[in-house]
Amino acid sequence: RWFEEIKSDLLKRIEGKEEFNIEMLIELVDKTDTVNPFF
């Protein structure tokens, strides 16, 4: 799943257009390439 979809979803939530909480952030991170950004 292309990471930009996740980035767009996260930005909408951060900007207050949708409800946002830490569980949602964890879910978004879990859906992305979880290893490669860090290694």
Full PDB file with SEQRES, HELIX, SHEET, SSBOND, CRYST1, ORIGX, SCALE, CONECT and MASTER records, all heavy atoms in Angstrom:
SEQRES   1 A   39  ARG TRP PHE GLU GLU ILE LYS SER ASP LEU LEU LYS ARG          
SEQRES   2 A   39  ILE GLU GLY LYS GLU GLU PHE ASN ILE GLU MET LEU ILE          
SEQRES   3 A   39  GLU LEU VAL ASP LYS THR ASP THR VAL ASN PRO PHE PHE          
HELIX    1 AA1 PHE A    3  ILE A   14  1                                  12    
HELIX    2 AA2 ILE A   22  LYS A   31  1                                  10    
CRYST1    1.000    1.000    1.000  90.00  90.00  90.00 P 1           1          
ORIGX1      1.000000  0.000000  0.000000        0.00000                         
ORIGX2      0.000000  1.000000  0.000000        0.00000                         
ORIGX3      0.000000  0.000000  1.000000        0.00000                         
SCALE1      1.000000  0.000000  0.000000        0.00000                         
SCALE2      0.000000  1.000000  0.000000        0.00000                         
SCALE3      0.000000  0.000000  1.000000        0.00000                         
ATOM      1  N   ARG A   1       0.850  -1.183   0.000  1.00  0.00           N  
ATOM      2  CA  ARG A   1       0.000   0.000   0.000  1.00  0.00           C  
ATOM      3  C   ARG A   1       0.888   1.237   0.000  1.00  0.00           C  
ATOM      4  O   ARG A   1       1.725   1.418   0.868  1.00  0.00           O  
ATOM      5  CB  ARG A   1      -0.902  -0.005   1.223  1.00  0.00           C  
ATOM      6  CG  ARG A   1      -1.853   1.156   1.256  1.00  0.00           C  
ATOM      7  CD  ARG A   1      -2.796   1.027   2.417  1.00  0.00           C  
ATOM      8  NE  ARG A   1      -3.618   2.229   2.463  1.00  0.00           N  
ATOM      9  CZ  ARG A   1      -4.369   2.545   3.475  1.00  0.00           C  
ATOM     10  NH1 ARG A   1      -4.417   1.777   4.522  1.00  0.00           N  
ATOM     11  NH2 ARG A   1      -5.074   3.656   3.448  1.00  0.00           N  
ATOM     12  N   TRP A   2       0.709   2.098  -0.955  1.00  0.00           N  
ATOM     13  CA  TRP A   2       1.586   3.243  -1.135  1.00  0.00           C  
ATOM     14  C   TRP A   2       1.494   4.175   0.057  1.00  0.00           C  
ATOM     15  O   TRP A   2       0.422   4.582   0.490  1.00  0.00           O  
ATOM     16  CB  TRP A   2       1.231   3.970  -2.429  1.00  0.00           C  
ATOM     17  CG  TRP A   2       2.198   5.006  -2.812  1.00  0.00           C  
ATOM     18  CD1 TRP A   2       3.548   4.868  -2.891  1.00  0.00           C  
ATOM     19  CD2 TRP A   2       1.905   6.350  -3.168  1.00  0.00           C  
ATOM     20  NE1 TRP A   2       4.112   6.048  -3.298  1.00  0.00           N  
ATOM     21  CE2 TRP A   2       3.125   6.983  -3.462  1.00  0.00           C  
ATOM     22  CE3 TRP A   2       0.740   7.079  -3.265  1.00  0.00           C  
ATOM     23  CZ2 TRP A   2       3.209   8.295  -3.857  1.00  0.00           C  
ATOM     24  CZ3 TRP A   2       0.832   8.392  -3.667  1.00  0.00           C  
ATOM     25  CH2 TRP A   2       2.052   8.989  -3.956  1.00  0.00           C  
ATOM     26  N   PHE A   3       2.669   4.529   0.610  1.00  0.00           N  
ATOM     27  CA  PHE A   3       2.725   5.301   1.842  1.00  0.00           C  
ATOM     28  C   PHE A   3       2.041   6.653   1.737  1.00  0.00           C  
ATOM     29  O   PHE A   3       1.593   7.196   2.739  1.00  0.00           O  
ATOM     30  CB  PHE A   3       4.170   5.471   2.294  1.00  0.00           C  
ATOM     31  CG  PHE A   3       4.993   6.349   1.396  1.00  0.00           C  
ATOM     32  CD1 PHE A   3       5.065   7.711   1.618  1.00  0.00           C  
ATOM     33  CD2 PHE A   3       5.690   5.809   0.319  1.00  0.00           C  
ATOM     34  CE1 PHE A   3       5.815   8.508   0.785  1.00  0.00           C  
ATOM     35  CE2 PHE A   3       6.435   6.619  -0.507  1.00  0.00           C  
ATOM     36  CZ  PHE A   3       6.496   7.967  -0.277  1.00  0.00           C  
ATOM     37  N   GLU A   4       1.915   7.234   0.571  1.00  0.00           N  
ATOM     38  CA  GLU A   4       1.320   8.564   0.458  1.00  0.00           C  
ATOM     39  C   GLU A   4      -0.160   8.548   0.855  1.00  0.00           C  
ATOM     40  O   GLU A   4      -0.676   9.521   1.375  1.00  0.00           O  
ATOM     41  CB  GLU A   4       1.502   9.124  -0.945  1.00  0.00           C  
ATOM     42  CG  GLU A   4       1.070  10.558  -1.080  1.00  0.00           C  
ATOM     43  CD  GLU A   4       1.759  11.516  -0.109  1.00  0.00           C  
ATOM     44  OE1 GLU A   4       2.863  11.209   0.377  1.00  0.00           O  
ATOM     45  OE2 GLU A   4       1.185  12.570   0.182  1.00  0.00           O  
ATOM     46  N   GLU A   5      -0.841   7.426   0.635  1.00  0.00           N  
ATOM     47  CA  GLU A   5      -2.220   7.316   1.081  1.00  0.00           C  
ATOM     48  C   GLU A   5      -2.283   7.459   2.595  1.00  0.00           C  
ATOM     49  O   GLU A   5      -3.164   8.126   3.134  1.00  0.00           O  
ATOM     50  CB  GLU A   5      -2.817   5.972   0.670  1.00  0.00           C  
ATOM     51  CG  GLU A   5      -2.986   5.797  -0.821  1.00  0.00           C  
ATOM     52  CD  GLU A   5      -3.428   4.394  -1.175  1.00  0.00           C  
ATOM     53  OE1 GLU A   5      -4.009   3.707  -0.317  1.00  0.00           O  
ATOM     54  OE2 GLU A   5      -3.192   3.985  -2.312  1.00  0.00           O  
ATOM     55  N   ILE A   6      -1.349   6.837   3.282  1.00  0.00           N  
ATOM     56  CA  ILE A   6      -1.286   6.899   4.736  1.00  0.00           C  
ATOM     57  C   ILE A   6      -0.962   8.330   5.171  1.00  0.00           C  
ATOM     58  O   ILE A   6      -1.568   8.869   6.094  1.00  0.00           O  
ATOM     59  CB  ILE A   6      -0.220   5.926   5.277  1.00  0.00           C  
ATOM     60  CG1 ILE A   6      -0.503   4.499   4.832  1.00  0.00           C  
ATOM     61  CG2 ILE A   6      -0.118   6.030   6.785  1.00  0.00           C  
ATOM     62  CD1 ILE A   6      -1.803   3.927   5.305  1.00  0.00           C  
ATOM     63  N   LYS A   7       0.009   8.948   4.496  1.00  0.00           N  
ATOM     64  CA  LYS A   7       0.405  10.313   4.834  1.00  0.00           C  
ATOM     65  C   LYS A   7      -0.784  11.267   4.694  1.00  0.00           C  
ATOM     66  O   LYS A   7      -1.036  12.101   5.569  1.00  0.00           O  
ATOM     67  CB  LYS A   7       1.557  10.736   3.915  1.00  0.00           C  
ATOM     68  CG  LYS A   7       2.141  12.084   4.218  1.00  0.00           C  
ATOM     69  CD  LYS A   7       3.327  12.316   3.277  1.00  0.00           C  
ATOM     70  CE  LYS A   7       3.867  13.710   3.358  1.00  0.00           C  
ATOM     71  NZ  LYS A   7       4.954  13.941   2.412  1.00  0.00           N  
ATOM     72  N   SER A   8      -1.532  11.121   3.625  1.00  0.00           N  
ATOM     73  CA  SER A   8      -2.696  11.972   3.388  1.00  0.00           C  
ATOM     74  C   SER A   8      -3.733  11.774   4.491  1.00  0.00           C  
ATOM     75  O   SER A   8      -4.292  12.735   5.021  1.00  0.00           O  
ATOM     76  CB  SER A   8      -3.292  11.648   2.027  1.00  0.00           C  
ATOM     77  OG  SER A   8      -4.487  12.335   1.841  1.00  0.00           O  
ATOM     78  N   ASP A   9      -3.989  10.529   4.846  1.00  0.00           N  
ATOM     79  CA  ASP A   9      -4.952  10.211   5.892  1.00  0.00           C  
ATOM     80  C   ASP A   9      -4.509  10.820   7.224  1.00  0.00           C  
ATOM     81  O   ASP A   9      -5.299  11.438   7.944  1.00  0.00           O  
ATOM     82  CB  ASP A   9      -5.098   8.696   6.010  1.00  0.00           C  
ATOM     83  CG  ASP A   9      -6.263   8.274   6.881  1.00  0.00           C  
ATOM     84  OD1 ASP A   9      -7.201   9.080   7.071  1.00  0.00           O  
ATOM     85  OD2 ASP A   9      -6.237   7.138   7.371  1.00  0.00           O  
ATOM     86  N   LEU A  10      -3.247  10.684   7.544  1.00  0.00           N  
ATOM     87  CA  LEU A  10      -2.708  11.228   8.790  1.00  0.00           C  
ATOM     88  C   LEU A  10      -2.839  12.752   8.824  1.00  0.00           C  
ATOM     89  O   LEU A  10      -3.265  13.317   9.831  1.00  0.00           O  
ATOM     90  CB  LEU A  10      -1.249  10.809   8.965  1.00  0.00           C  
ATOM     91  CG  LEU A  10      -0.533  11.324  10.208  1.00  0.00           C  
ATOM     92  CD1 LEU A  10      -1.240  10.873  11.473  1.00  0.00           C  
ATOM     93  CD2 LEU A  10       0.913  10.866  10.215  1.00  0.00           C  
ATOM     94  N   LEU A  11      -2.491  13.412   7.720  1.00  0.00           N  
ATOM     95  CA  LEU A  11      -2.587  14.869   7.679  1.00  0.00           C  
ATOM     96  C   LEU A  11      -4.013  15.354   7.881  1.00  0.00           C  
ATOM     97  O   LEU A  11      -4.257  16.331   8.588  1.00  0.00           O  
ATOM     98  CB  LEU A  11      -2.017  15.404   6.370  1.00  0.00           C  
ATOM     99  CG  LEU A  11      -0.497  15.343   6.246  1.00  0.00           C  
ATOM    100  CD1 LEU A  11      -0.057  15.747   4.851  1.00  0.00           C  
ATOM    101  CD2 LEU A  11       0.178  16.206   7.292  1.00  0.00           C  
ATOM    102  N   LYS A  12      -4.980  14.670   7.284  1.00  0.00           N  
ATOM    103  CA  LYS A  12      -6.386  15.051   7.471  1.00  0.00           C  
ATOM    104  C   LYS A  12      -6.766  14.981   8.945  1.00  0.00           C  
ATOM    105  O   LYS A  12      -7.438  15.856   9.475  1.00  0.00           O  
ATOM    106  CB  LYS A  12      -7.306  14.122   6.667  1.00  0.00           C  
ATOM    107  CG  LYS A  12      -7.440  14.506   5.217  1.00  0.00           C  
ATOM    108  CD  LYS A  12      -8.580  13.762   4.576  1.00  0.00           C  
ATOM    109  CE  LYS A  12      -8.091  12.398   4.159  1.00  0.00           C  
ATOM    110  NZ  LYS A  12      -9.053  11.608   3.413  1.00  0.00           N  
ATOM    111  N   ARG A  13      -6.300  13.936   9.604  1.00  0.00           N  
ATOM    112  CA  ARG A  13      -6.644  13.762  11.014  1.00  0.00           C  
ATOM    113  C   ARG A  13      -5.937  14.798  11.885  1.00  0.00           C  
ATOM    114  O   ARG A  13      -6.527  15.345  12.811  1.00  0.00           O  
ATOM    115  CB  ARG A  13      -6.310  12.354  11.458  1.00  0.00           C  
ATOM    116  CG  ARG A  13      -7.216  11.341  10.780  1.00  0.00           C  
ATOM    117  CD  ARG A  13      -6.876   9.929  11.121  1.00  0.00           C  
ATOM    118  NE  ARG A  13      -7.684   9.025  10.323  1.00  0.00           N  
ATOM    119  CZ  ARG A  13      -7.984   7.803  10.690  1.00  0.00           C  
ATOM    120  NH1 ARG A  13      -7.575   7.328  11.833  1.00  0.00           N  
ATOM    121  NH2 ARG A  13      -8.707   7.036   9.911  1.00  0.00           N  
ATOM    122  N   ILE A  14      -4.680  15.085  11.586  1.00  0.00           N  
ATOM    123  CA  ILE A  14      -3.938  16.072  12.361  1.00  0.00           C  
ATOM    124  C   ILE A  14      -4.549  17.460  12.183  1.00  0.00           C  
ATOM    125  O   ILE A  14      -4.630  18.244  13.126  1.00  0.00           O  
ATOM    126  CB  ILE A  14      -2.447  16.056  11.970  1.00  0.00           C  
ATOM    127  CG1 ILE A  14      -1.803  14.776  12.492  1.00  0.00           C  
ATOM    128  CG2 ILE A  14      -1.723  17.287  12.512  1.00  0.00           C  
ATOM    129  CD1 ILE A  14      -0.386  14.549  12.018  1.00  0.00           C  
ATOM    130  N   GLU A  15      -4.975  17.784  10.977  1.00  0.00           N  
ATOM    131  CA  GLU A  15      -5.563  19.097  10.697  1.00  0.00           C  
ATOM    132  C   GLU A  15      -6.963  19.242  11.278  1.00  0.00           C  
ATOM    133  O   GLU A  15      -7.600  20.273  11.143  1.00  0.00           O  
ATOM    134  CB  GLU A  15      -5.608  19.328   9.181  1.00  0.00           C  
ATOM    135  CG  GLU A  15      -4.225  19.486   8.570  1.00  0.00           C  
ATOM    136  CD  GLU A  15      -4.256  19.439   7.046  1.00  0.00           C  
ATOM    137  OE1 GLU A  15      -5.321  19.214   6.457  1.00  0.00           O  
ATOM    138  OE2 GLU A  15      -3.178  19.615   6.456  1.00  0.00           O  
ATOM    139  N   GLY A  16      -7.446  18.197  11.935  1.00  0.00           N  
ATOM    140  CA  GLY A  16      -8.729  18.285  12.610  1.00  0.00           C  
ATOM    141  C   GLY A  16      -9.928  17.996  11.744  1.00  0.00           C  
ATOM    142  O   GLY A  16     -11.070  18.191  12.159  1.00  0.00           O  
ATOM    143  N   LYS A  17      -9.677  17.536  10.532  1.00  0.00           N  
ATOM    144  CA  LYS A  17     -10.798  17.246   9.650  1.00  0.00           C  
ATOM    145  C   LYS A  17     -11.472  15.928  10.033  1.00  0.00           C  
ATOM    146  O   LYS A  17     -12.591  15.656   9.659  1.00  0.00           O  
ATOM    147  CB  LYS A  17     -10.341  17.203   8.195  1.00  0.00           C  
ATOM    148  CG  LYS A  17      -9.858  18.561   7.718  1.00  0.00           C  
ATOM    149  CD  LYS A  17      -9.355  18.489   6.305  1.00  0.00           C  
ATOM    150  CE  LYS A  17      -8.802  19.855   5.892  1.00  0.00           C  
ATOM    151  NZ  LYS A  17      -8.089  19.795   4.644  1.00  0.00           N  
ATOM    152  N   GLU A  18     -10.751  15.099  10.763  1.00  0.00           N  
ATOM    153  CA  GLU A  18     -11.298  13.846  11.249  1.00  0.00           C  
ATOM    154  C   GLU A  18     -10.798  13.637  12.671  1.00  0.00           C  
ATOM    155  O   GLU A  18      -9.782  14.192  13.068  1.00  0.00           O  
ATOM    156  CB  GLU A  18     -10.838  12.670  10.371  1.00  0.00           C  
ATOM    157  CG  GLU A  18     -11.385  12.703   8.967  1.00  0.00           C  
ATOM    158  CD  GLU A  18     -10.957  11.488   8.163  1.00  0.00           C  
ATOM    159  OE1 GLU A  18     -10.595  10.459   8.751  1.00  0.00           O  
ATOM    160  OE2 GLU A  18     -10.999  11.591   6.931  1.00  0.00           O  
ATOM    161  N   GLU A  19     -11.501  12.823  13.417  1.00  0.00           N  
ATOM    162  CA  GLU A  19     -11.078  12.509  14.784  1.00  0.00           C  
ATOM    163  C   GLU A  19      -9.684  11.886  14.752  1.00  0.00           C  
ATOM    164  O   GLU A  19      -9.347  11.134  13.847  1.00  0.00           O  
ATOM    165  CB  GLU A  19     -12.075  11.524  15.402  1.00  0.00           C  
ATOM    166  CG  GLU A  19     -11.734  11.158  16.820  1.00  0.00           C  
ATOM    167  CD  GLU A  19     -12.683  10.117  17.384  1.00  0.00           C  
ATOM    168  OE1 GLU A  19     -13.761   9.899  16.790  1.00  0.00           O  
ATOM    169  OE2 GLU A  19     -12.337   9.522  18.392  1.00  0.00           O  
ATOM    170  N   PHE A  20      -8.875  12.220  15.753  1.00  0.00           N  
ATOM    171  CA  PHE A  20      -7.511  11.704  15.788  1.00  0.00           C  
ATOM    172  C   PHE A  20      -7.123  11.379  17.220  1.00  0.00           C  
ATOM    173  O   PHE A  20      -7.365  12.161  18.133  1.00  0.00           O  
ATOM    174  CB  PHE A  20      -6.541  12.741  15.219  1.00  0.00           C  
ATOM    175  CG  PHE A  20      -5.114  12.297  15.247  1.00  0.00           C  
ATOM    176  CD1 PHE A  20      -4.646  11.376  14.334  1.00  0.00           C  
ATOM    177  CD2 PHE A  20      -4.237  12.796  16.199  1.00  0.00           C  
ATOM    178  CE1 PHE A  20      -3.326  10.958  14.357  1.00  0.00           C  
ATOM    179  CE2 PHE A  20      -2.919  12.388  16.230  1.00  0.00           C  
ATOM    180  CZ  PHE A  20      -2.469  11.467  15.300  1.00  0.00           C  
ATOM    181  N   ASN A  21      -6.522  10.190  17.406  1.00  0.00           N  
ATOM    182  CA  ASN A  21      -5.973   9.832  18.708  1.00  0.00           C  
ATOM    183  C   ASN A  21      -4.768   8.917  18.503  1.00  0.00           C  
ATOM    184  O   ASN A  21      -4.466   8.510  17.385  1.00  0.00           O  
ATOM    185  CB  ASN A  21      -7.044   9.182  19.602  1.00  0.00           C  
ATOM    186  CG  ASN A  21      -7.621   7.930  18.981  1.00  0.00           C  
ATOM    187  OD1 ASN A  21      -6.910   7.115  18.420  1.00  0.00           O  
ATOM    188  ND2 ASN A  21      -8.945   7.781  19.084  1.00  0.00           N  
ATOM    189  N   ILE A  22      -4.086   8.607  19.557  1.00  0.00           N  
ATOM    190  CA  ILE A  22      -2.837   7.843  19.453  1.00  0.00           C  
ATOM    191  C   ILE A  22      -3.066   6.449  18.860  1.00  0.00           C  
ATOM    192  O   ILE A  22      -2.233   5.943  18.122  1.00  0.00           O  
ATOM    193  CB  ILE A  22      -2.109   7.775  20.823  1.00  0.00           C  
ATOM    194  CG1 ILE A  22      -0.669   7.270  20.643  1.00  0.00           C  
ATOM    195  CG2 ILE A  22      -2.876   6.909  21.804  1.00  0.00           C  
ATOM    196  CD1 ILE A  22       0.214   8.188  19.841  1.00  0.00           C  
ATOM    197  N   GLU A  23      -4.195   5.828  19.143  1.00  0.00           N  
ATOM    198  CA  GLU A  23      -4.476   4.502  18.575  1.00  0.00           C  
ATOM    199  C   GLU A  23      -4.550   4.570  17.047  1.00  0.00           C  
ATOM    200  O   GLU A  23      -4.096   3.673  16.351  1.00  0.00           O  
ATOM    201  CB  GLU A  23      -5.780   3.924  19.143  1.00  0.00           C  
ATOM    202  CG  GLU A  23      -5.702   3.492  20.588  1.00  0.00           C  
ATOM    203  CD  GLU A  23      -5.809   4.653  21.572  1.00  0.00           C  
ATOM    204  OE1 GLU A  23      -6.347   5.722  21.199  1.00  0.00           O  
ATOM    205  OE2 GLU A  23      -5.327   4.488  22.713  1.00  0.00           O  
ATOM    206  N   MET A  24      -5.111   5.662  16.534  1.00  0.00           N  
ATOM    207  CA  MET A  24      -5.182   5.841  15.083  1.00  0.00           C  
ATOM    208  C   MET A  24      -3.786   6.014  14.487  1.00  0.00           C  
ATOM    209  O   MET A  24      -3.499   5.477  13.423  1.00  0.00           O  
ATOM    210  CB  MET A  24      -6.056   7.036  14.734  1.00  0.00           C  
ATOM    211  CG  MET A  24      -7.501   6.825  15.026  1.00  0.00           C  
ATOM    212  SD  MET A  24      -8.401   8.350  14.691  1.00  0.00           S  
ATOM    213  CE  MET A  24     -10.063   7.812  14.956  1.00  0.00           C  
ATOM    214  N   LEU A  25      -2.935   6.755  15.193  1.00  0.00           N  
ATOM    215  CA  LEU A  25      -1.565   6.930  14.717  1.00  0.00           C  
ATOM    216  C   LEU A  25      -0.848   5.584  14.661  1.00  0.00           C  
ATOM    217  O   LEU A  25      -0.181   5.264  13.677  1.00  0.00           O  
ATOM    218  CB  LEU A  25      -0.807   7.903  15.626  1.00  0.00           C  
ATOM    219  CG  LEU A  25       0.654   8.121  15.275  1.00  0.00           C  
ATOM    220  CD1 LEU A  25       0.802   8.689  13.869  1.00  0.00           C  
ATOM    221  CD2 LEU A  25       1.310   9.035  16.297  1.00  0.00           C  
ATOM    222  N   ILE A  26      -1.006   4.785  15.698  1.00  0.00           N  
ATOM    223  CA  ILE A  26      -0.379   3.455  15.725  1.00  0.00           C  
ATOM    224  C   ILE A  26      -0.899   2.610  14.565  1.00  0.00           C  
ATOM    225  O   ILE A  26      -0.128   1.931  13.892  1.00  0.00           O  
ATOM    226  CB  ILE A  26      -0.626   2.782  17.092  1.00  0.00           C  
ATOM    227  CG1 ILE A  26       0.165   3.519  18.175  1.00  0.00           C  
ATOM    228  CG2 ILE A  26      -0.258   1.305  17.053  1.00  0.00           C  
ATOM    229  CD1 ILE A  26      -0.209   3.149  19.589  1.00  0.00           C  
ATOM    230  N   GLU A  27      -2.209   2.669  14.320  1.00  0.00           N  
ATOM    231  CA  GLU A  27      -2.793   1.921  13.199  1.00  0.00           C  
ATOM    232  C   GLU A  27      -2.193   2.382  11.869  1.00  0.00           C  
ATOM    233  O   GLU A  27      -1.850   1.570  11.017  1.00  0.00           O  
ATOM    234  CB  GLU A  27      -4.304   2.112  13.175  1.00  0.00           C  
ATOM    235  CG  GLU A  27      -4.978   1.415  12.009  1.00  0.00           C  
ATOM    236  CD  GLU A  27      -6.451   1.786  11.894  1.00  0.00           C  
ATOM    237  OE1 GLU A  27      -7.005   2.387  12.829  1.00  0.00           O  
ATOM    238  OE2 GLU A  27      -7.029   1.472  10.838  1.00  0.00           O  
ATOM    239  N   LEU A  28      -2.050   3.684  11.689  1.00  0.00           N  
ATOM    240  CA  LEU A  28      -1.482   4.204  10.445  1.00  0.00           C  
ATOM    241  C   LEU A  28      -0.043   3.742  10.257  1.00  0.00           C  
ATOM    242  O   LEU A  28       0.360   3.340   9.173  1.00  0.00           O  
ATOM    243  CB  LEU A  28      -1.551   5.729  10.434  1.00  0.00           C  
ATOM    244  CG  LEU A  28      -2.945   6.314  10.288  1.00  0.00           C  
ATOM    245  CD1 LEU A  28      -2.905   7.819  10.516  1.00  0.00           C  
ATOM    246  CD2 LEU A  28      -3.519   6.005   8.925  1.00  0.00           C  
ATOM    247  N   VAL A  29       0.737   3.774  11.324  1.00  0.00           N  
ATOM    248  CA  VAL A  29       2.133   3.335  11.243  1.00  0.00           C  
ATOM    249  C   VAL A  29       2.182   1.847  10.920  1.00  0.00           C  
ATOM    250  O   VAL A  29       2.997   1.400  10.116  1.00  0.00           O  
ATOM    251  CB  VAL A  29       2.891   3.661  12.545  1.00  0.00           C  
ATOM    252  CG1 VAL A  29       4.254   2.997  12.564  1.00  0.00           C  
ATOM    253  CG2 VAL A  29       3.025   5.169  12.702  1.00  0.00           C  
ATOM    254  N   ASP A  30       1.304   1.056  11.534  1.00  0.00           N  
ATOM    255  CA  ASP A  30       1.274  -0.381  11.274  1.00  0.00           C  
ATOM    256  C   ASP A  30       0.961  -0.709   9.823  1.00  0.00           C  
ATOM    257  O   ASP A  30       1.384  -1.738   9.304  1.00  0.00           O  
ATOM    258  CB  ASP A  30       0.246  -1.082  12.166  1.00  0.00           C  
ATOM    259  CG  ASP A  30       0.734  -1.231  13.593  1.00  0.00           C  
ATOM    260  OD1 ASP A  30       1.941  -1.071  13.825  1.00  0.00           O  
ATOM    261  OD2 ASP A  30      -0.105  -1.497  14.477  1.00  0.00           O  
ATOM    262  N   LYS A  31       0.214   0.155   9.144  1.00  0.00           N  
ATOM    263  CA  LYS A  31      -0.164  -0.095   7.759  1.00  0.00           C  
ATOM    264  C   LYS A  31       0.938   0.277   6.774  1.00  0.00           C  
ATOM    265  O   LYS A  31       0.864  -0.062   5.605  1.00  0.00           O  
ATOM    266  CB  LYS A  31      -1.423   0.704   7.401  1.00  0.00           C  
ATOM    267  CG  LYS A  31      -2.674   0.200   8.058  1.00  0.00           C  
ATOM    268  CD  LYS A  31      -3.828   1.081   7.655  1.00  0.00           C  
ATOM    269  CE  LYS A  31      -5.117   0.672   8.317  1.00  0.00           C  
ATOM    270  NZ  LYS A  31      -6.199   1.604   7.999  1.00  0.00           N  
ATOM    271  N   THR A  32       1.926   1.002   7.222  1.00  0.00           N  
ATOM    272  CA  THR A  32       2.983   1.449   6.315  1.00  0.00           C  
ATOM    273  C   THR A  32       4.160   0.497   6.362  1.00  0.00           C  
ATOM    274  O   THR A  32       4.169  -0.493   7.069  1.00  0.00           O  
ATOM    275  CB  THR A  32       3.456   2.861   6.695  1.00  0.00           C  
ATOM    276  OG1 THR A  32       3.992   2.824   8.009  1.00  0.00           O  
ATOM    277  CG2 THR A  32       2.346   3.872   6.604  1.00  0.00           C  
ATOM    278  N   ASP A  33       5.152   0.840   5.610  1.00  0.00           N  
ATOM    279  CA  ASP A  33       6.411   0.111   5.577  1.00  0.00           C  
ATOM    280  C   ASP A  33       7.066   0.318   6.942  1.00  0.00           C  
ATOM    281  O   ASP A  33       7.717   1.311   7.187  1.00  0.00           O  
ATOM    282  CB  ASP A  33       7.252   0.712   4.450  1.00  0.00           C  
ATOM    283  CG  ASP A  33       8.549  -0.009   4.240  1.00  0.00           C  
ATOM    284  OD1 ASP A  33       8.926  -0.828   5.083  1.00  0.00           O  
ATOM    285  OD2 ASP A  33       9.189   0.272   3.231  1.00  0.00           O  
ATOM    286  N   THR A  34       6.871  -0.621   7.843  1.00  0.00           N  
ATOM    287  CA  THR A  34       7.199  -0.416   9.249  1.00  0.00           C  
ATOM    288  C   THR A  34       8.679  -0.500   9.570  1.00  0.00           C  
ATOM    289  O   THR A  34       9.097  -0.049  10.618  1.00  0.00           O  
ATOM    290  CB  THR A  34       6.459  -1.436  10.125  1.00  0.00           C  
ATOM    291  OG1 THR A  34       6.794  -2.744   9.683  1.00  0.00           O  
ATOM    292  CG2 THR A  34       4.962  -1.228  10.056  1.00  0.00           C  
ATOM    293  N   VAL A  35       9.479  -1.085   8.727  1.00  0.00           N  
ATOM    294  CA  VAL A  35      10.902  -1.226   9.021  1.00  0.00           C  
ATOM    295  C   VAL A  35      11.737  -0.232   8.230  1.00  0.00           C  
ATOM    296  O   VAL A  35      12.592   0.454   8.768  1.00  0.00           O  
ATOM    297  CB  VAL A  35      11.389  -2.667   8.726  1.00  0.00           C  
ATOM    298  CG1 VAL A  35      12.888  -2.779   8.873  1.00  0.00           C  
ATOM    299  CG2 VAL A  35      10.705  -3.648   9.657  1.00  0.00           C  
ATOM    300  N   ASN A  36      11.486  -0.097   6.968  1.00  0.00           N  
ATOM    301  CA  ASN A  36      12.375   0.660   6.093  1.00  0.00           C  
ATOM    302  C   ASN A  36      12.590   2.119   6.457  1.00  0.00           C  
ATOM    303  O   ASN A  36      13.676   2.627   6.233  1.00  0.00           O  
ATOM    304  CB  ASN A  36      11.924   0.516   4.647  1.00  0.00           C  
ATOM    305  CG  ASN A  36      12.167  -0.895   4.142  1.00  0.00           C  
ATOM    306  OD1 ASN A  36      13.016  -1.595   4.661  1.00  0.00           O  
ATOM    307  ND2 ASN A  36      11.427  -1.316   3.148  1.00  0.00           N  
ATOM    308  N   PRO A  37      11.614   2.845   7.012  1.00  0.00           N  
ATOM    309  CA  PRO A  37      11.908   4.235   7.346  1.00  0.00           C  
ATOM    310  C   PRO A  37      12.996   4.385   8.404  1.00  0.00           C  
ATOM    311  O   PRO A  37      13.635   5.411   8.505  1.00  0.00           O  
ATOM    312  CB  PRO A  37      10.582   4.779   7.873  1.00  0.00           C  
ATOM    313  CG  PRO A  37       9.553   3.883   7.331  1.00  0.00           C  
ATOM    314  CD  PRO A  37      10.207   2.541   7.224  1.00  0.00           C  
ATOM    315  N   PHE A  38      13.199   3.347   9.193  1.00  0.00           N  
ATOM    316  CA  PHE A  38      14.114   3.449  10.321  1.00  0.00           C  
ATOM    317  C   PHE A  38      15.469   2.787  10.086  1.00  0.00           C  
ATOM    318  O   PHE A  38      16.390   2.998  10.863  1.00  0.00           O  
ATOM    319  CB  PHE A  38      13.462   2.844  11.565  1.00  0.00           C  
ATOM    320  CG  PHE A  38      12.127   3.460  11.856  1.00  0.00           C  
ATOM    321  CD1 PHE A  38      10.957   2.787  11.547  1.00  0.00           C  
ATOM    322  CD2 PHE A  38      12.031   4.729  12.376  1.00  0.00           C  
ATOM    323  CE1 PHE A  38       9.714   3.368  11.797  1.00  0.00           C  
ATOM    324  CE2 PHE A  38      10.803   5.330  12.628  1.00  0.00           C  
ATOM    325  CZ  PHE A  38       9.652   4.639  12.337  1.00  0.00           C  
ATOM    326  N   PHE A  39      15.607   1.965   9.059  1.00  0.00           N  
ATOM    327  CA  PHE A  39      16.832   1.221   8.832  1.00  0.00           C  
ATOM    328  C   PHE A  39      17.409   1.513   7.452  1.00  0.00           C  
ATOM    329  O   PHE A  39      16.684   1.797   6.516  1.00  0.00           O  
ATOM    330  CB  PHE A  39      16.575  -0.288   8.948  1.00  0.00           C  
ATOM    331  CG  PHE A  39      16.177  -0.708  10.333  1.00  0.00           C  
ATOM    332  CD1 PHE A  39      14.850  -0.932  10.647  1.00  0.00           C  
ATOM    333  CD2 PHE A  39      17.130  -0.870  11.322  1.00  0.00           C  
ATOM    334  CE1 PHE A  39      14.470  -1.308  11.923  1.00  0.00           C  
ATOM    335  CE2 PHE A  39      16.760  -1.254  12.602  1.00  0.00           C  
ATOM    336  CZ  PHE A  39      15.435  -1.474  12.907  1.00  0.00           C  
TER     337      PHE A  39                                                      
MASTER        0    0    0    2    0    0    0    6  336    1    0    3          
END                                                                             
